Amino acid sequence: MKKLSFALIAFAASTAFAAPASETWTGQCAKCHGADGAGKTKVGAKLKLKDYSDAKVQAEMTDEAMFKAIKNGVTEGESVKMKAFSDLPDDDVKGLVAFIRTLKK
């Protein structure tokens, strides 16, 4: 019983401190990718970002690939296309991947 109680408390504590993925998206991602994920921002156009609202584009990327891109960033040659968000907890990154999947039209 004590183990179960501790596990529930630990789970509650970890989820209480995690920012909702929609807030992380709005605060960190939307300025380049757009609120809808279409990438139709000044930065998005300049970097030729993918349209994550497009079902075809989403089908091309696995959850693992999205996770790695968020955690490690994206480079093209020697230029940084997207900075790494290595400081985000893994659960937050998984939440972002799930959120990105909801952008599909």
PDB file of N, CA and C in Angstrom:
ATOM      1  N   MET A   1       0.817  -1.200   0.000  1.00  0.00           N
ATOM      2  CA  MET A   1       0.000   0.000   0.000  1.00  0.00           C
ATOM      3  C   MET A   1       0.859   1.261   0.000  1.00  0.00           C
ATOM      4  N   LYS A   2       1.951   1.246   0.800  1.00  0.00           N
ATOM      5  CA  LYS A   2       2.819   2.420   0.860  1.00  0.00           C
ATOM      6  C   LYS A   2       3.476   2.694  -0.482  1.00  0.00           C
ATOM      7  N   LYS A   3       3.861   1.613  -1.190  1.00  0.00           N
ATOM      8  CA  LYS A   3       4.497   1.793  -2.500  1.00  0.00           C
ATOM      9  C   LYS A   3       3.527   2.446  -3.482  1.00  0.00           C
ATOM     10  N   LEU A   4       2.290   2.004  -3.455  1.00  0.00           N
ATOM     11  CA  LEU A   4       1.281   2.567  -4.348  1.00  0.00           C
ATOM     12  C   LEU A   4       1.042   4.038  -4.033  1.00  0.00           C
ATOM     13  N   SER A   5       0.932   4.373  -2.765  1.00  0.00           N
ATOM     14  CA  SER A   5       0.715   5.768  -2.366  1.00  0.00           C
ATOM     15  C   SER A   5       1.875   6.639  -2.807  1.00  0.00           C
ATOM     16  N   PHE A   6       3.097   6.155  -2.611  1.00  0.00           N
ATOM     17  CA  PHE A   6       4.268   6.924  -3.022  1.00  0.00           C
ATOM     18  C   PHE A   6       4.275   7.131  -4.533  1.00  0.00           C
ATOM     19  N   ALA A   7       3.927   6.070  -5.273  1.00  0.00           N
ATOM     20  CA  ALA A   7       3.894   6.169  -6.733  1.00  0.00           C
ATOM     21  C   ALA A   7       2.858   7.193  -7.183  1.00  0.00           C
ATOM     22  N   LEU A   8       1.704   7.198  -6.559  1.00  0.00           N
ATOM     23  CA  LEU A   8       0.666   8.168  -6.917  1.00  0.00           C
ATOM     24  C   LEU A   8       1.098   9.594  -6.604  1.00  0.00           C
ATOM     25  N   ILE A   9       1.737   9.785  -5.469  1.00  0.00           N
ATOM     26  CA  ILE A   9       2.222  11.118  -5.102  1.00  0.00           C
ATOM     27  C   ILE A   9       3.292  11.570  -6.080  1.00  0.00           C
ATOM     28  N   ALA A  10       4.227  10.677  -6.421  1.00  0.00           N
ATOM     29  CA  ALA A  10       5.294  11.023  -7.367  1.00  0.00           C
ATOM     30  C   ALA A  10       4.716  11.369  -8.735  1.00  0.00           C
ATOM     31  N   PHE A  11       3.719  10.609  -9.183  1.00  0.00           N
ATOM     32  CA  PHE A  11       3.087  10.891 -10.469  1.00  0.00           C
ATOM     33  C   PHE A  11       2.382  12.240 -10.437  1.00  0.00           C
ATOM     34  N   ALA A  12       1.645  12.488  -9.376  1.00  0.00           N
ATOM     35  CA  ALA A  12       0.931  13.762  -9.253  1.00  0.00           C
ATOM     36  C   ALA A  12       1.896  14.924  -9.234  1.00  0.00           C
ATOM     37  N   ALA A  13       3.009  14.775  -8.530  1.00  0.00           N
ATOM     38  CA  ALA A  13       4.002  15.849  -8.460  1.00  0.00           C
ATOM     39  C   ALA A  13       4.624  16.090  -9.820  1.00  0.00           C
ATOM     40  N   SER A  14       4.938  15.031 -10.562  1.00  0.00           N
ATOM     41  CA  SER A  14       5.583  15.217 -11.861  1.00  0.00           C
ATOM     42  C   SER A  14       4.637  15.859 -12.859  1.00  0.00           C
ATOM     43  N   THR A  15       3.352  15.514 -12.814  1.00  0.00           N
ATOM     44  CA  THR A  15       2.413  16.110 -13.756  1.00  0.00           C
ATOM     45  C   THR A  15       2.031  17.525 -13.348  1.00  0.00           C
ATOM     46  N   ALA A  16       2.127  17.835 -12.075  1.00  0.00           N
ATOM     47  CA  ALA A  16       1.768  19.179 -11.614  1.00  0.00           C
ATOM     48  C   ALA A  16       2.776  20.211 -12.094  1.00  0.00           C
ATOM     49  N   PHE A  17       4.025  19.811 -12.256  1.00  0.00           N
ATOM     50  CA  PHE A  17       5.057  20.755 -12.661  1.00  0.00           C
ATOM     51  C   PHE A  17       5.264  20.805 -14.167  1.00  0.00           C
ATOM     52  N   ALA A  18       4.702  19.862 -14.885  1.00  0.00           N
ATOM     53  CA  ALA A  18       4.857  19.849 -16.334  1.00  0.00           C
ATOM     54  C   ALA A  18       3.926  20.888 -16.951  1.00  0.00           C
ATOM     55  N   ALA A  19       4.472  21.683 -17.837  1.00  0.00           N
ATOM     56  CA  ALA A  19       3.653  22.682 -18.523  1.00  0.00           C
ATOM     57  C   ALA A  19       2.797  21.966 -19.565  1.00  0.00           C
ATOM     58  N   PRO A  20       1.543  22.362 -19.703  1.00  0.00           N
ATOM     59  CA  PRO A  20       0.732  21.765 -20.764  1.00  0.00           C
ATOM     60  C   PRO A  20       1.397  21.996 -22.120  1.00  0.00           C
ATOM     61  N   ALA A  21       1.318  20.983 -22.966  1.00  0.00           N
ATOM     62  CA  ALA A  21       1.976  21.059 -24.271  1.00  0.00           C
ATOM     63  C   ALA A  21       1.499  22.260 -25.081  1.00  0.00           C
ATOM     64  N   SER A  22       0.215  22.597 -24.970  1.00  0.00           N
ATOM     65  CA  SER A  22      -0.297  23.740 -25.739  1.00  0.00           C
ATOM     66  C   SER A  22       0.375  25.042 -25.302  1.00  0.00           C
ATOM     67  N   GLU A  23       0.671  25.170 -24.016  1.00  0.00           N
ATOM     68  CA  GLU A  23       1.372  26.368 -23.526  1.00  0.00           C
ATOM     69  C   GLU A  23       2.811  26.387 -24.017  1.00  0.00           C
ATOM     70  N   THR A  24       3.460  25.230 -23.996  1.00  0.00           N
ATOM     71  CA  THR A  24       4.838  25.149 -24.502  1.00  0.00           C
ATOM     72  C   THR A  24       4.863  25.487 -25.982  1.00  0.00           C
ATOM     73  N   TRP A  25       3.897  24.944 -26.728  1.00  0.00           N
ATOM     74  CA  TRP A  25       3.820  25.231 -28.165  1.00  0.00           C
ATOM     75  C   TRP A  25       3.667  26.736 -28.394  1.00  0.00           C
ATOM     76  N   THR A  26       2.727  27.349 -27.685  1.00  0.00           N
ATOM     77  CA  THR A  26       2.463  28.777 -27.852  1.00  0.00           C
ATOM     78  C   THR A  26       3.688  29.607 -27.468  1.00  0.00           C
ATOM     79  N   GLY A  27       4.344  29.247 -26.394  1.00  0.00           N
ATOM     80  CA  GLY A  27       5.470  30.034 -25.905  1.00  0.00           C
ATOM     81  C   GLY A  27       6.783  29.795 -26.623  1.00  0.00           C
ATOM     82  N   GLN A  28       6.976  28.588 -27.145  1.00  0.00           N
ATOM     83  CA  GLN A  28       8.280  28.248 -27.713  1.00  0.00           C
ATOM     84  C   GLN A  28       8.272  27.932 -29.207  1.00  0.00           C
ATOM     85  N   CYS A  29       7.185  27.404 -29.708  1.00  0.00           N
ATOM     86  CA  CYS A  29       7.180  26.862 -31.070  1.00  0.00           C
ATOM     87  C   CYS A  29       6.415  27.704 -32.084  1.00  0.00           C
ATOM     88  N   ALA A  30       5.322  28.321 -31.632  1.00  0.00           N
ATOM     89  CA  ALA A  30       4.413  29.012 -32.552  1.00  0.00           C
ATOM     90  C   ALA A  30       5.051  30.195 -33.261  1.00  0.00           C
ATOM     91  N   LYS A  31       6.055  30.825 -32.643  1.00  0.00           N
ATOM     92  CA  LYS A  31       6.657  31.988 -33.305  1.00  0.00           C
ATOM     93  C   LYS A  31       7.315  31.603 -34.638  1.00  0.00           C
ATOM     94  N   CYS A  32       7.731  30.359 -34.772  1.00  0.00           N
ATOM     95  CA  CYS A  32       8.303  29.904 -36.040  1.00  0.00           C
ATOM     96  C   CYS A  32       7.326  29.029 -36.819  1.00  0.00           C
ATOM     97  N   HIS A  33       6.679  28.094 -36.114  1.00  0.00           N
ATOM     98  CA  HIS A  33       5.804  27.115 -36.766  1.00  0.00           C
ATOM     99  C   HIS A  33       4.377  27.600 -36.940  1.00  0.00           C
ATOM    100  N   GLY A  34       4.006  28.700 -36.277  1.00  0.00           N
ATOM    101  CA  GLY A  34       2.641  29.204 -36.335  1.00  0.00           C
ATOM    102  C   GLY A  34       1.759  28.489 -35.335  1.00  0.00           C
ATOM    103  N   ALA A  35       0.716  29.147 -34.915  1.00  0.00           N
ATOM    104  CA  ALA A  35      -0.204  28.571 -33.927  1.00  0.00           C
ATOM    105  C   ALA A  35      -0.832  27.278 -34.442  1.00  0.00           C
ATOM    106  N   ASP A  36      -1.050  27.209 -35.755  1.00  0.00           N
ATOM    107  CA  ASP A  36      -1.681  26.034 -36.352  1.00  0.00           C
ATOM    108  C   ASP A  36      -0.681  25.012 -36.872  1.00  0.00           C
ATOM    109  N   GLY A  37       0.622  25.298 -36.750  1.00  0.00           N
ATOM    110  CA  GLY A  37       1.657  24.369 -37.190  1.00  0.00           C
ATOM    111  C   GLY A  37       1.969  24.419 -38.666  1.00  0.00           C
ATOM    112  N   ALA A  38       1.338  25.332 -39.395  1.00  0.00           N
ATOM    113  CA  ALA A  38       1.523  25.383 -40.845  1.00  0.00           C
ATOM    114  C   ALA A  38       2.860  26.009 -41.262  1.00  0.00           C
ATOM    115  N   GLY A  39       3.547  26.663 -40.334  1.00  0.00           N
ATOM    116  CA  GLY A  39       4.843  27.262 -40.651  1.00  0.00           C
ATOM    117  C   GLY A  39       4.751  28.528 -41.468  1.00  0.00           C
ATOM    118  N   LYS A  40       3.586  29.151 -41.493  1.00  0.00           N
ATOM    119  CA  LYS A  40       3.388  30.360 -42.305  1.00  0.00           C
ATOM    120  C   LYS A  40       3.646  31.616 -41.479  1.00  0.00           C
ATOM    121  N   THR A  41       4.876  31.707 -40.997  1.00  0.00           N
ATOM    122  CA  THR A  41       5.344  32.883 -40.276  1.00  0.00           C
ATOM    123  C   THR A  41       6.540  33.418 -41.047  1.00  0.00           C
ATOM    124  N   LYS A  42       7.032  34.589 -40.670  1.00  0.00           N
ATOM    125  CA  LYS A  42       8.220  35.126 -41.352  1.00  0.00           C
ATOM    126  C   LYS A  42       9.386  34.163 -41.217  1.00  0.00           C
ATOM    127  N   VAL A  43       9.610  33.696 -40.010  1.00  0.00           N
ATOM    128  CA  VAL A  43      10.713  32.756 -39.772  1.00  0.00           C
ATOM    129  C   VAL A  43      10.441  31.440 -40.484  1.00  0.00           C
ATOM    130  N   GLY A  44       9.210  30.960 -40.394  1.00  0.00           N
ATOM    131  CA  GLY A  44       8.840  29.706 -41.037  1.00  0.00           C
ATOM    132  C   GLY A  44       9.050  29.737 -42.537  1.00  0.00           C
ATOM    133  N   ALA A  45       8.684  30.852 -43.157  1.00  0.00           N
ATOM    134  CA  ALA A  45       8.870  30.996 -44.604  1.00  0.00           C
ATOM    135  C   ALA A  45      10.353  31.036 -44.952  1.00  0.00           C
ATOM    136  N   LYS A  46      11.116  31.769 -44.149  1.00  0.00           N
ATOM    137  CA  LYS A  46      12.559  31.895 -44.402  1.00  0.00           C
ATOM    138  C   LYS A  46      13.254  30.535 -44.295  1.00  0.00           C
ATOM    139  N   LEU A  47      12.858  29.754 -43.302  1.00  0.00           N
ATOM    140  CA  LEU A  47      13.489  28.450 -43.077  1.00  0.00           C
ATOM    141  C   LEU A  47      12.817  27.314 -43.851  1.00  0.00           C
ATOM    142  N   LYS A  48      11.742  27.642 -44.560  1.00  0.00           N
ATOM    143  CA  LYS A  48      10.988  26.647 -45.325  1.00  0.00           C
ATOM    144  C   LYS A  48      10.567  25.487 -44.430  1.00  0.00           C
ATOM    145  N   LEU A  49       9.875  25.855 -43.330  1.00  0.00           N
ATOM    146  CA  LEU A  49       9.440  24.848 -42.371  1.00  0.00           C
ATOM    147  C   LEU A  49       8.309  24.004 -42.936  1.00  0.00           C
ATOM    148  N   LYS A  50       8.261  22.776 -42.460  1.00  0.00           N
ATOM    149  CA  LYS A  50       7.199  21.862 -42.876  1.00  0.00           C
ATOM    150  C   LYS A  50       5.867  22.311 -42.296  1.00  0.00           C
ATOM    151  N   ASP A  51       4.802  21.936 -42.986  1.00  0.00           N
ATOM    152  CA  ASP A  51       3.442  22.238 -42.544  1.00  0.00           C
ATOM    153  C   ASP A  51       2.936  21.062 -41.720  1.00  0.00           C
ATOM    154  N   TYR A  52       3.007  21.190 -40.396  1.00  0.00           N
ATOM    155  CA  TYR A  52       2.595  20.102 -39.517  1.00  0.00           C
ATOM    156  C   TYR A  52       1.086  19.948 -39.417  1.00  0.00           C
ATOM    157  N   SER A  53       0.330  20.793 -40.083  1.00  0.00           N
ATOM    158  CA  SER A  53      -1.116  20.585 -40.148  1.00  0.00           C
ATOM    159  C   SER A  53      -1.462  19.677 -41.327  1.00  0.00           C
ATOM    160  N   ASP A  54      -0.493  19.396 -42.177  1.00  0.00           N
ATOM    161  CA  ASP A  54      -0.678  18.550 -43.348  1.00  0.00           C
ATOM    162  C   ASP A  54      -0.519  17.072 -42.954  1.00  0.00           C
ATOM    163  N   ALA A  55      -1.552  16.278 -43.194  1.00  0.00           N
ATOM    164  CA  ALA A  55      -1.544  14.856 -42.825  1.00  0.00           C
ATOM    165  C   ALA A  55      -0.387  14.103 -43.483  1.00  0.00           C
ATOM    166  N   LYS A  56      -0.054  14.479 -44.724  1.00  0.00           N
ATOM    167  CA  LYS A  56       1.052  13.829 -45.435  1.00  0.00           C
ATOM    168  C   LYS A  56       2.380  14.085 -44.732  1.00  0.00           C
ATOM    169  N   VAL A  57       2.603  15.319 -44.338  1.00  0.00           N
ATOM    170  CA  VAL A  57       3.837  15.686 -43.639  1.00  0.00           C
ATOM    171  C   VAL A  57       3.914  14.926 -42.318  1.00  0.00           C
ATOM    172  N   GLN A  58       2.804  14.862 -41.606  1.00  0.00           N
ATOM    173  CA  GLN A  58       2.799  14.149 -40.332  1.00  0.00           C
ATOM    174  C   GLN A  58       3.080  12.659 -40.519  1.00  0.00           C
ATOM    175  N   ALA A  59       2.559  12.083 -41.590  1.00  0.00           N
ATOM    176  CA  ALA A  59       2.775  10.665 -41.843  1.00  0.00           C
ATOM    177  C   ALA A  59       4.244  10.362 -42.139  1.00  0.00           C
ATOM    178  N   GLU A  60       4.965  11.353 -42.640  1.00  0.00           N
ATOM    179  CA  GLU A  60       6.380  11.172 -42.973  1.00  0.00           C
ATOM    180  C   GLU A  60       7.278  11.135 -41.740  1.00  0.00           C
ATOM    181  N   MET A  61       6.802  11.675 -40.619  1.00  0.00           N
ATOM    182  CA  MET A  61       7.640  11.744 -39.413  1.00  0.00           C
ATOM    183  C   MET A  61       7.109  10.832 -38.320  1.00  0.00           C
ATOM    184  N   THR A  62       7.995  10.035 -37.770  1.00  0.00           N
ATOM    185  CA  THR A  62       7.614   9.197 -36.637  1.00  0.00           C
ATOM    186  C   THR A  62       7.638  10.042 -35.368  1.00  0.00           C
ATOM    187  N   ASP A  63       6.989   9.556 -34.337  1.00  0.00           N
ATOM    188  CA  ASP A  63       7.035  10.234 -33.044  1.00  0.00           C
ATOM    189  C   ASP A  63       8.483  10.336 -32.557  1.00  0.00           C
ATOM    190  N   GLU A  64       9.239   9.271 -32.782  1.00  0.00           N
ATOM    191  CA  GLU A  64      10.648   9.263 -32.359  1.00  0.00           C
ATOM    192  C   GLU A  64      11.446  10.356 -33.080  1.00  0.00           C
ATOM    193  N   ALA A  65      11.211  10.530 -34.367  1.00  0.00           N
ATOM    194  CA  ALA A  65      11.921  11.567 -35.128  1.00  0.00           C
ATOM    195  C   ALA A  65      11.552  12.957 -34.614  1.00  0.00           C
ATOM    196  N   MET A  66      10.258  13.170 -34.317  1.00  0.00           N
ATOM    197  CA  MET A  66       9.841  14.461 -33.769  1.00  0.00           C
ATOM    198  C   MET A  66      10.483  14.701 -32.410  1.00  0.00           C
ATOM    199  N   PHE A  67      10.486  13.667 -31.574  1.00  0.00           N
ATOM    200  CA  PHE A  67      11.079  13.770 -30.241  1.00  0.00           C
ATOM    201  C   PHE A  67      12.548  14.185 -30.361  1.00  0.00           C
ATOM    202  N   LYS A  68      13.290  13.496 -31.224  1.00  0.00           N
ATOM    203  CA  LYS A  68      14.719  13.799 -31.409  1.00  0.00           C
ATOM    204  C   LYS A  68      14.925  15.217 -31.948  1.00  0.00           C
ATOM    205  N   ALA A  69      14.068  15.641 -32.872  1.00  0.00           N
ATOM    206  CA  ALA A  69      14.203  16.985 -33.430  1.00  0.00           C
ATOM    207  C   ALA A  69      13.999  18.044 -32.350  1.00  0.00           C
ATOM    208  N   ILE A  70      13.030  17.826 -31.475  1.00  0.00           N
ATOM    209  CA  ILE A  70      12.764  18.789 -30.408  1.00  0.00           C
ATOM    210  C   ILE A  70      13.915  18.791 -29.409  1.00  0.00           C
ATOM    211  N   LYS A  71      14.342  17.624 -28.979  1.00  0.00           N
ATOM    212  CA  LYS A  71      15.395  17.514 -27.961  1.00  0.00           C
ATOM    213  C   LYS A  71      16.762  17.966 -28.478  1.00  0.00           C
ATOM    214  N   ASN A  72      17.100  17.553 -29.708  1.00  0.00           N
ATOM    215  CA  ASN A  72      18.446  17.783 -30.241  1.00  0.00           C
ATOM    216  C   ASN A  72      18.549  18.947 -31.209  1.00  0.00           C
ATOM    217  N   GLY A  73      17.408  19.477 -31.629  1.00  0.00           N
ATOM    218  CA  GLY A  73      17.425  20.539 -32.616  1.00  0.00           C
ATOM    219  C   GLY A  73      17.557  19.970 -34.018  1.00  0.00           C
ATOM    220  N   VAL A  74      17.522  20.853 -34.990  1.00  0.00           N
ATOM    221  CA  VAL A  74      17.617  20.454 -36.394  1.00  0.00           C
ATOM    222  C   VAL A  74      18.653  21.342 -37.061  1.00  0.00           C
ATOM    223  N   THR A  75      19.591  20.715 -37.733  1.00  0.00           N
ATOM    224  CA  THR A  75      20.590  21.469 -38.480  1.00  0.00           C
ATOM    225  C   THR A  75      20.500  21.094 -39.954  1.00  0.00           C
ATOM    226  N   GLU A  76      20.908  22.032 -40.753  1.00  0.00           N
ATOM    227  CA  GLU A  76      20.974  21.811 -42.195  1.00  0.00           C
ATOM    228  C   GLU A  76      22.360  22.250 -42.611  1.00  0.00           C
ATOM    229  N   GLY A  77      23.219  21.290 -42.880  1.00  0.00           N
ATOM    230  CA  GLY A  77      24.624  21.629 -43.099  1.00  0.00           C
ATOM    231  C   GLY A  77      25.200  22.155 -41.801  1.00  0.00           C
ATOM    232  N   GLU A  78      25.750  23.345 -41.858  1.00  0.00           N
ATOM    233  CA  GLU A  78      26.309  23.948 -40.652  1.00  0.00           C
ATOM    234  C   GLU A  78      25.364  24.957 -39.998  1.00  0.00           C
ATOM    235  N   SER A  79      24.217  25.185 -40.614  1.00  0.00           N
ATOM    236  CA  SER A  79      23.296  26.151 -40.013  1.00  0.00           C
ATOM    237  C   SER A  79      22.225  25.450 -39.174  1.00  0.00           C
ATOM    238  N   VAL A  80      21.858  26.141 -38.109  1.00  0.00           N
ATOM    239  CA  VAL A  80      20.843  25.631 -37.201  1.00  0.00           C
ATOM    240  C   VAL A  80      19.477  26.029 -37.736  1.00  0.00           C
ATOM    241  N   LYS A  81      18.660  25.040 -38.029  1.00  0.00           N
ATOM    242  CA  LYS A  81      17.308  25.304 -38.528  1.00  0.00           C
ATOM    243  C   LYS A  81      16.340  25.432 -37.350  1.00  0.00           C
ATOM    244  N   MET A  82      16.587  24.646 -36.279  1.00  0.00           N
ATOM    245  CA  MET A  82      15.796  24.741 -35.059  1.00  0.00           C
ATOM    246  C   MET A  82      16.715  24.454 -33.885  1.00  0.00           C
ATOM    247  N   LYS A  83      16.667  25.335 -32.897  1.00  0.00           N
ATOM    248  CA  LYS A  83      17.514  25.131 -31.728  1.00  0.00           C
ATOM    249  C   LYS A  83      17.036  23.917 -30.944  1.00  0.00           C
ATOM    250  N   ALA A  84      17.946  23.336 -30.198  1.00  0.00           N
ATOM    251  CA  ALA A  84      17.622  22.187 -29.352  1.00  0.00           C
ATOM    252  C   ALA A  84      16.877  22.655 -28.101  1.00  0.00           C
ATOM    253  N   PHE A  85      15.917  21.880 -27.682  1.00  0.00           N
ATOM    254  CA  PHE A  85      15.210  22.123 -26.433  1.00  0.00           C
ATOM    255  C   PHE A  85      15.560  20.997 -25.467  1.00  0.00           C
ATOM    256  N   SER A  86      16.863  20.790 -25.302  1.00  0.00           N
ATOM    257  CA  SER A  86      17.366  19.691 -24.480  1.00  0.00           C
ATOM    258  C   SER A  86      17.010  19.852 -23.010  1.00  0.00           C
ATOM    259  N   ASP A  87      16.683  21.070 -22.591  1.00  0.00           N
ATOM    260  CA  ASP A  87      16.330  21.307 -21.191  1.00  0.00           C
ATOM    261  C   ASP A  87      14.887  20.919 -20.877  1.00  0.00           C
ATOM    262  N   LEU A  88      14.076  20.673 -21.903  1.00  0.00           N
ATOM    263  CA  LEU A  88      12.693  20.246 -21.654  1.00  0.00           C
ATOM    264  C   LEU A  88      12.695  18.805 -21.154  1.00  0.00           C
ATOM    265  N   PRO A  89      11.957  18.523 -20.101  1.00  0.00           N
ATOM    266  CA  PRO A  89      11.851  17.142 -19.629  1.00  0.00           C
ATOM    267  C   PRO A  89      11.260  16.247 -20.724  1.00  0.00           C
ATOM    268  N   ASP A  90      11.674  14.995 -20.741  1.00  0.00           N
ATOM    269  CA  ASP A  90      11.200  14.056 -21.759  1.00  0.00           C
ATOM    270  C   ASP A  90       9.678  13.983 -21.826  1.00  0.00           C
ATOM    271  N   ASP A  91       9.017  14.024 -20.669  1.00  0.00           N
ATOM    272  CA  ASP A  91       7.551  13.964 -20.677  1.00  0.00           C
ATOM    273  C   ASP A  91       6.945  15.175 -21.368  1.00  0.00           C
ATOM    274  N   ASP A  92       7.570  16.344 -21.223  1.00  0.00           N
ATOM    275  CA  ASP A  92       7.086  17.544 -21.907  1.00  0.00           C
ATOM    276  C   ASP A  92       7.278  17.413 -23.413  1.00  0.00           C
ATOM    277  N   VAL A  93       8.399  16.833 -23.819  1.00  0.00           N
ATOM    278  CA  VAL A  93       8.657  16.646 -25.248  1.00  0.00           C
ATOM    279  C   VAL A  93       7.645  15.652 -25.829  1.00  0.00           C
ATOM    280  N   LYS A  94       7.381  14.582 -25.099  1.00  0.00           N
ATOM    281  CA  LYS A  94       6.369  13.616 -25.555  1.00  0.00           C
ATOM    282  C   LYS A  94       5.004  14.291 -25.670  1.00  0.00           C
ATOM    283  N   GLY A  95       4.696  15.177 -24.733  1.00  0.00           N
ATOM    284  CA  GLY A  95       3.454  15.929 -24.793  1.00  0.00           C
ATOM    285  C   GLY A  95       3.398  16.822 -26.015  1.00  0.00           C
ATOM    286  N   LEU A  96       4.528  17.437 -26.357  1.00  0.00           N
ATOM    287  CA  LEU A  96       4.584  18.282 -27.558  1.00  0.00           C
ATOM    288  C   LEU A  96       4.354  17.455 -28.818  1.00  0.00           C
ATOM    289  N   VAL A  97       4.966  16.280 -28.869  1.00  0.00           N
ATOM    290  CA  VAL A  97       4.763  15.403 -30.032  1.00  0.00           C
ATOM    291  C   VAL A  97       3.277  15.070 -30.152  1.00  0.00           C
ATOM    292  N   ALA A  98       2.652  14.715 -29.050  1.00  0.00           N
ATOM    293  CA  ALA A  98       1.214  14.417 -29.059  1.00  0.00           C
ATOM    294  C   ALA A  98       0.413  15.638 -29.504  1.00  0.00           C
ATOM    295  N   PHE A  99       0.814  16.831 -29.029  1.00  0.00           N
ATOM    296  CA  PHE A  99       0.125  18.064 -29.418  1.00  0.00           C
ATOM    297  C   PHE A  99       0.265  18.316 -30.921  1.00  0.00           C
ATOM    298  N   ILE A 100       1.457  18.112 -31.444  1.00  0.00           N
ATOM    299  CA  ILE A 100       1.694  18.316 -32.879  1.00  0.00           C
ATOM    300  C   ILE A 100       0.774  17.401 -33.688  1.00  0.00           C
ATOM    301  N   ARG A 101       0.562  16.200 -33.197  1.00  0.00           N
ATOM    302  CA  ARG A 101      -0.340  15.259 -33.895  1.00  0.00           C
ATOM    303  C   ARG A 101      -1.771  15.799 -33.948  1.00  0.00           C
ATOM    304  N   THR A 102      -2.162  16.624 -32.996  1.00  0.00           N
ATOM    305  CA  THR A 102      -3.523  17.177 -33.010  1.00  0.00           C
ATOM    306  C   THR A 102      -3.677  18.300 -34.037  1.00  0.00           C
ATOM    307  N   LEU A 103      -2.584  18.786 -34.577  1.00  0.00           N
ATOM    308  CA  LEU A 103      -2.641  19.884 -35.549  1.00  0.00           C
ATOM    309  C   LEU A 103      -3.026  19.398 -36.941  1.00  0.00           C
ATOM    310  N   LYS A 104      -2.978  18.084 -37.143  1.00  0.00           N
ATOM    311  CA  LYS A 104      -3.272  17.490 -38.448  1.00  0.00           C
ATOM    312  C   LYS A 104      -4.722  17.771 -38.856  1.00  0.00           C
ATOM    313  N   LYS A 105      -4.905  18.209 -40.080  1.00  0.00           N
ATOM    314  CA  LYS A 105      -6.255  18.492 -40.604  1.00  0.00           C
ATOM    315  C   LYS A 105      -6.771  17.301 -41.359  1.00  0.00           C
TER     316      LYS A 105
END
